[in-house]
């Protein structure tokens, strides 16, 4: 291959690596937000959360590190599991902490309702 062809291949590989890195970072952020909403995760939730983060950070991967597709898959699986736990907890009527909520960590419809009488 010519030198120009190698440059094109390198640029394309760099763009793909940056796109997958961006996707992995977004998934990790969503994972942290979901963990905050759950509060007490239980054993399965803790293993899913910390296992996904350790796998993403450690250099030992199924695919080489410039290709973050396997990391994104692990983060997505953990996010789906934590979302399942969150839905199960909401269905059971257990209060769920909302990100950025102040106070005791409980949330309800009354907390989200606008306050009346004050302008």
Protein backbone atom coordinates (compact mmCIF):
# COMPACT_ATOMS: atom_id res chain seq x y z
CA UNK A 1 0.00 0.00 0.00
CA UNK A 2 1.08 3.51 -0.63
CA UNK A 3 1.88 6.02 2.08
CA UNK A 4 -1.34 7.96 1.42
CA UNK A 5 -3.45 4.83 1.80
CA UNK A 6 -1.85 4.12 5.21
CA UNK A 7 -2.58 7.69 6.29
CA UNK A 8 -6.25 7.26 5.32
CA UNK A 9 -6.43 3.94 7.20
CA UNK A 10 -4.83 5.57 10.25
CA UNK A 11 -7.25 8.49 10.20
CA UNK A 12 -10.27 6.18 9.85
CA UNK A 13 -9.00 3.99 12.71
CA UNK A 14 -8.48 7.08 14.86
CA UNK A 15 -11.98 8.36 14.19
CA UNK A 16 -13.48 4.95 15.03
CA UNK A 17 -11.41 4.77 18.24
CA UNK A 18 -12.54 8.24 19.32
CA UNK A 19 -16.19 7.48 18.54
CA UNK A 20 -16.15 4.26 20.57
CA UNK A 21 -14.29 5.98 23.43
CA UNK A 22 -16.97 8.69 23.49
CA UNK A 23 -19.67 6.00 23.57
CA UNK A 24 -17.95 4.17 26.42
CA UNK A 25 -17.64 7.38 28.45
CA UNK A 26 -21.34 8.19 27.94
CA UNK A 27 -22.34 4.68 29.00
CA UNK A 28 -20.13 4.88 32.11
CA UNK A 29 -21.75 8.20 33.03
CA UNK A 30 -25.23 6.71 32.64
CA UNK A 31 -24.12 3.77 34.78
CA UNK A 32 -23.08 6.14 37.60
CA UNK A 33 -26.38 8.05 37.38
CA UNK A 34 -28.36 4.80 37.58
CA UNK A 35 -26.28 3.65 40.55
CA UNK A 36 -27.01 6.92 42.34
CA UNK A 37 -30.73 6.46 41.72
CA UNK A 38 -30.68 2.98 43.21
CA UNK A 39 -28.83 3.84 46.41
CA UNK A 40 -28.53 0.39 47.98
CA UNK A 41 -27.78 -1.92 45.06
CA UNK A 42 -27.70 -5.32 46.69
CA UNK A 43 -25.04 -7.89 45.88
CA UNK A 44 -26.01 -8.42 42.23
CA UNK A 45 -26.14 -4.71 41.51
CA UNK A 46 -22.78 -4.06 43.17
CA UNK A 47 -21.12 -6.88 41.20
CA UNK A 48 -22.61 -5.58 37.93
CA UNK A 49 -21.59 -1.97 38.63
CA UNK A 50 -18.06 -2.55 39.89
CA UNK A 51 -17.40 -5.43 37.50
CA UNK A 52 -18.30 -3.27 34.50
CA UNK A 53 -16.09 -0.42 35.71
CA UNK A 54 -13.12 -2.68 36.47
CA UNK A 55 -13.42 -4.39 33.08
CA UNK A 56 -13.56 -1.01 31.34
CA UNK A 57 -10.53 0.39 33.18
CA UNK A 58 -8.24 -2.66 33.17
CA UNK A 59 -6.02 -3.13 30.11
CA UNK A 60 -6.91 -6.87 29.84
CA UNK A 61 -9.77 -7.02 27.31
CA UNK A 62 -11.32 -9.32 24.75
CA UNK A 63 -10.42 -6.77 22.07
CA UNK A 64 -7.41 -4.43 22.06
CA UNK A 65 -7.97 -1.16 23.93
CA UNK A 66 -8.25 1.20 20.95
CA UNK A 67 -11.42 -0.76 20.09
CA UNK A 68 -13.86 -0.09 22.94
CA UNK A 69 -16.74 -2.18 21.57
CA UNK A 70 -16.31 -4.92 24.18
CA UNK A 71 -16.13 -2.31 26.95
CA UNK A 72 -19.29 -0.70 25.62
CA UNK A 73 -21.00 -4.11 25.60
CA UNK A 74 -20.10 -4.77 29.23
CA UNK A 75 -21.20 -1.27 30.28
CA UNK A 76 -24.47 -1.68 28.38
CA UNK A 77 -25.17 -5.05 30.01
CA UNK A 78 -24.53 -3.58 33.47
CA UNK A 79 -26.71 -0.56 32.67
CA UNK A 80 -29.55 -2.80 31.50
CA UNK A 81 -29.30 -4.90 34.67
CA UNK A 82 -29.26 -1.85 36.95
CA UNK A 83 -32.20 -0.37 35.04
CA UNK A 84 -34.05 -3.65 35.59
CA UNK A 85 -33.33 -3.38 39.34
CA UNK A 86 -34.55 0.23 39.30
CA UNK A 87 -37.83 -0.68 37.60
CA UNK A 88 -38.33 -3.57 40.01
CA UNK A 89 -37.76 -1.27 42.97
CA UNK A 90 -40.19 1.33 41.62
CA UNK A 91 -42.83 -1.36 41.01
CA UNK A 92 -42.45 -2.49 44.63
CA UNK A 93 -43.14 1.08 45.79
CA UNK A 94 -39.68 1.67 47.27
CA UNK A 95 -38.64 5.35 47.02
CA UNK A 96 -35.92 6.03 44.47
CA UNK A 97 -33.41 8.84 44.82
CA UNK A 98 -33.32 11.16 41.85
CA UNK A 99 -29.97 12.58 40.74
CA UNK A 100 -29.54 16.08 42.04
CA UNK A 101 -32.37 15.75 44.57
CA UNK A 102 -31.75 17.40 47.91
CA UNK A 103 -32.73 16.24 51.33
CA UNK A 104 -33.12 12.75 52.72
CA UNK A 105 -32.74 11.02 49.36
CA UNK A 106 -36.41 10.14 49.01
CA UNK A 107 -38.47 11.21 46.07
CA UNK A 108 -42.18 11.36 45.60
CA UNK A 109 -44.79 13.17 43.56
CA UNK A 110 -45.11 15.74 46.33
CA UNK A 111 -41.41 16.56 46.02
CA UNK A 112 -41.74 17.11 42.29
CA UNK A 113 -44.92 19.22 42.53
CA UNK A 114 -44.44 22.99 42.36
CA UNK A 115 -44.84 24.83 45.65
CA UNK A 116 -47.89 27.06 45.80
CA UNK A 117 -48.42 30.30 47.62
CA UNK A 118 -44.89 31.62 47.02
CA UNK A 119 -44.06 33.80 44.07
